[in-house]
Amino acid sequence: MSRGLGNRPVFQPQLVHAGEDVAGLNEQFRGDVAAFRLQFRCSDCVYFWRSKSACTLGWPVDQLNADPIHILDAKGEPAFCKAFEPEGS
């Protein structure tokens, strides 16, 4: 696997920099979700199998459907799905 700066894989974005507050960034994201009606959860995705509460592609859904809403995990790593496709209205 290719590595970028440090130990991060090249394909994984650097969303948090040293000294940034992960909890604060997640709080800002929750505000953006409410203000812009952002869709990002499994239940908003065409690949979500509602009757089984599972992803048809096999991805784990617990982290993306957890409350409170967050875009970063405790380590500051991205907590979103790259396969997400909005279901539409």
C-alpha atoms as a PDB file:
ATOM      1  CA  MET A   1       0.000   0.000   0.000  1.00  0.00           C
ATOM      2  CA  SER A   2       1.300   3.447  -0.878  1.00  0.00           C
ATOM      3  CA  ARG A   3       1.985   5.729   2.041  1.00  0.00           C
ATOM      4  CA  GLY A   4       1.820   9.475   2.032  1.00  0.00           C
ATOM      5  CA  LEU A   5       3.305  11.739   4.673  1.00  0.00           C
ATOM      6  CA  GLY A   6       3.848   9.855   7.927  1.00  0.00           C
ATOM      7  CA  ASN A   7       1.976   6.582   8.149  1.00  0.00           C
ATOM      8  CA  ARG A   8      -1.291   7.632   6.486  1.00  0.00           C
ATOM      9  CA  PRO A   9      -2.315   5.708   3.374  1.00  0.00           C
ATOM     10  CA  VAL A  10      -2.287   7.990   0.304  1.00  0.00           C
ATOM     11  CA  PHE A  11      -6.013   7.531  -0.326  1.00  0.00           C
ATOM     12  CA  GLN A  12      -7.053   8.609   3.188  1.00  0.00           C
ATOM     13  CA  PRO A  13      -7.553  12.381   3.488  1.00  0.00           C
ATOM     14  CA  GLN A  14      -5.950  14.361   6.296  1.00  0.00           C
ATOM     15  CA  LEU A  15      -9.024  15.986   7.828  1.00  0.00           C
ATOM     16  CA  VAL A  16      -7.593  16.852  11.238  1.00  0.00           C
ATOM     17  CA  HIS A  17      -4.290  18.545  11.927  1.00  0.00           C
ATOM     18  CA  ALA A  18      -2.297  18.650  15.157  1.00  0.00           C
ATOM     19  CA  GLY A  19      -4.062  20.716  17.788  1.00  0.00           C
ATOM     20  CA  GLU A  20      -7.501  20.637  16.149  1.00  0.00           C
ATOM     21  CA  ASP A  21     -10.462  19.644  18.302  1.00  0.00           C
ATOM     22  CA  VAL A  22     -12.177  16.519  16.920  1.00  0.00           C
ATOM     23  CA  ALA A  23     -15.243  17.058  19.131  1.00  0.00           C
ATOM     24  CA  GLY A  24     -15.540  20.646  17.899  1.00  0.00           C
ATOM     25  CA  LEU A  25     -15.260  19.587  14.247  1.00  0.00           C
ATOM     26  CA  ASN A  26     -17.959  16.955  14.801  1.00  0.00           C
ATOM     27  CA  GLU A  27     -20.182  19.584  16.434  1.00  0.00           C
ATOM     28  CA  GLN A  28     -19.675  21.876  13.425  1.00  0.00           C
ATOM     29  CA  PHE A  29     -20.584  18.971  11.130  1.00  0.00           C
ATOM     30  CA  ARG A  30     -23.820  18.366  13.086  1.00  0.00           C
ATOM     31  CA  GLY A  31     -24.712  22.021  12.523  1.00  0.00           C
ATOM     32  CA  ASP A  32     -23.991  21.683   8.788  1.00  0.00           C
ATOM     33  CA  VAL A  33     -26.140  18.532   8.613  1.00  0.00           C
ATOM     34  CA  ALA A  34     -29.075  20.418  10.111  1.00  0.00           C
ATOM     35  CA  ALA A  35     -28.559  23.627   8.117  1.00  0.00           C
ATOM     36  CA  PHE A  36     -28.056  22.006   4.718  1.00  0.00           C
ATOM     37  CA  ARG A  37     -30.051  18.776   5.242  1.00  0.00           C
ATOM     38  CA  LEU A  38     -26.988  16.699   4.351  1.00  0.00           C
ATOM     39  CA  GLN A  39     -27.517  13.041   3.573  1.00  0.00           C
ATOM     40  CA  PHE A  40     -24.682  10.692   4.460  1.00  0.00           C
ATOM     41  CA  ARG A  41     -26.097   7.906   6.628  1.00  0.00           C
ATOM     42  CA  CYS A  42     -26.644   4.354   5.475  1.00  0.00           C
ATOM     43  CA  SER A  43     -30.428   4.818   5.607  1.00  0.00           C
ATOM     44  CA  ASP A  44     -30.042   7.561   2.958  1.00  0.00           C
ATOM     45  CA  CYS A  45     -28.103   5.271   0.582  1.00  0.00           C
ATOM     46  CA  VAL A  46     -29.303   3.104  -2.298  1.00  0.00           C
ATOM     47  CA  TYR A  47     -27.095   0.258  -1.030  1.00  0.00           C
ATOM     48  CA  PHE A  48     -28.852   0.034   2.360  1.00  0.00           C
ATOM     49  CA  TRP A  49     -30.981  -3.068   2.864  1.00  0.00           C
ATOM     50  CA  ARG A  50     -33.682  -1.752   5.195  1.00  0.00           C
ATOM     51  CA  SER A  51     -35.301  -5.079   6.079  1.00  0.00           C
ATOM     52  CA  LYS A  52     -31.943  -6.384   7.371  1.00  0.00           C
ATOM     53  CA  SER A  53     -30.457  -3.051   8.513  1.00  0.00           C
ATOM     54  CA  ALA A  54     -27.355  -3.929   6.509  1.00  0.00           C
ATOM     55  CA  CYS A  55     -25.301  -2.705   3.573  1.00  0.00           C
ATOM     56  CA  THR A  56     -25.781  -4.707   0.380  1.00  0.00           C
ATOM     57  CA  LEU A  57     -22.067  -4.144  -0.346  1.00  0.00           C
ATOM     58  CA  GLY A  58     -21.121  -5.690   2.988  1.00  0.00           C
ATOM     59  CA  TRP A  59     -19.788  -2.562   4.713  1.00  0.00           C
ATOM     60  CA  PRO A  60     -20.348  -2.205   8.473  1.00  0.00           C
ATOM     61  CA  VAL A  61     -23.138   0.262   9.253  1.00  0.00           C
ATOM     62  CA  ASP A  62     -22.881   0.762  13.028  1.00  0.00           C
ATOM     63  CA  GLN A  63     -20.412   3.670  12.970  1.00  0.00           C
ATOM     64  CA  LEU A  64     -22.258   5.603  10.254  1.00  0.00           C
ATOM     65  CA  ASN A  65     -25.613   5.218  11.986  1.00  0.00           C
ATOM     66  CA  ALA A  66     -24.379   5.999  15.498  1.00  0.00           C
ATOM     67  CA  ASP A  67     -25.629   8.930  17.522  1.00  0.00           C
ATOM     68  CA  PRO A  68     -24.536  11.565  17.935  1.00  0.00           C
ATOM     69  CA  ILE A  69     -23.758  12.252  14.277  1.00  0.00           C
ATOM     70  CA  HIS A  70     -20.030  12.538  13.560  1.00  0.00           C
ATOM     71  CA  ILE A  71     -17.737  12.845  10.547  1.00  0.00           C
ATOM     72  CA  LEU A  72     -14.563  11.929  12.478  1.00  0.00           C
ATOM     73  CA  ASP A  73     -13.907   9.082  14.887  1.00  0.00           C
ATOM     74  CA  ALA A  74     -12.128   9.634  18.225  1.00  0.00           C
ATOM     75  CA  LYS A  75      -8.702   9.476  16.523  1.00  0.00           C
ATOM     76  CA  GLY A  76      -9.723  12.077  13.929  1.00  0.00           C
ATOM     77  CA  GLU A  77     -10.013   9.526  11.131  1.00  0.00           C
ATOM     78  CA  PRO A  78     -12.820   9.981   8.560  1.00  0.00           C
ATOM     79  CA  ALA A  79     -16.049   8.226   9.535  1.00  0.00           C
ATOM     80  CA  PHE A  80     -17.948   8.149   6.269  1.00  0.00           C
ATOM     81  CA  CYS A  81     -18.550   5.704   3.432  1.00  0.00           C
ATOM     82  CA  LYS A  82     -16.876   6.182   0.045  1.00  0.00           C
ATOM     83  CA  ALA A  83     -19.507   3.948  -1.607  1.00  0.00           C
ATOM     84  CA  PHE A  84     -22.413   6.197  -0.511  1.00  0.00           C
ATOM     85  CA  GLU A  85     -24.958   6.904  -3.238  1.00  0.00           C
ATOM     86  CA  PRO A  86     -27.958   9.030  -2.223  1.00  0.00           C
ATOM     87  CA  GLU A  87     -31.289   7.334  -2.651  1.00  0.00           C
ATOM     88  CA  GLY A  88     -32.981  10.512  -3.821  1.00  0.00           C
ATOM     89  CA  SER A  89     -36.321  12.034  -2.990  1.00  0.00           C
END
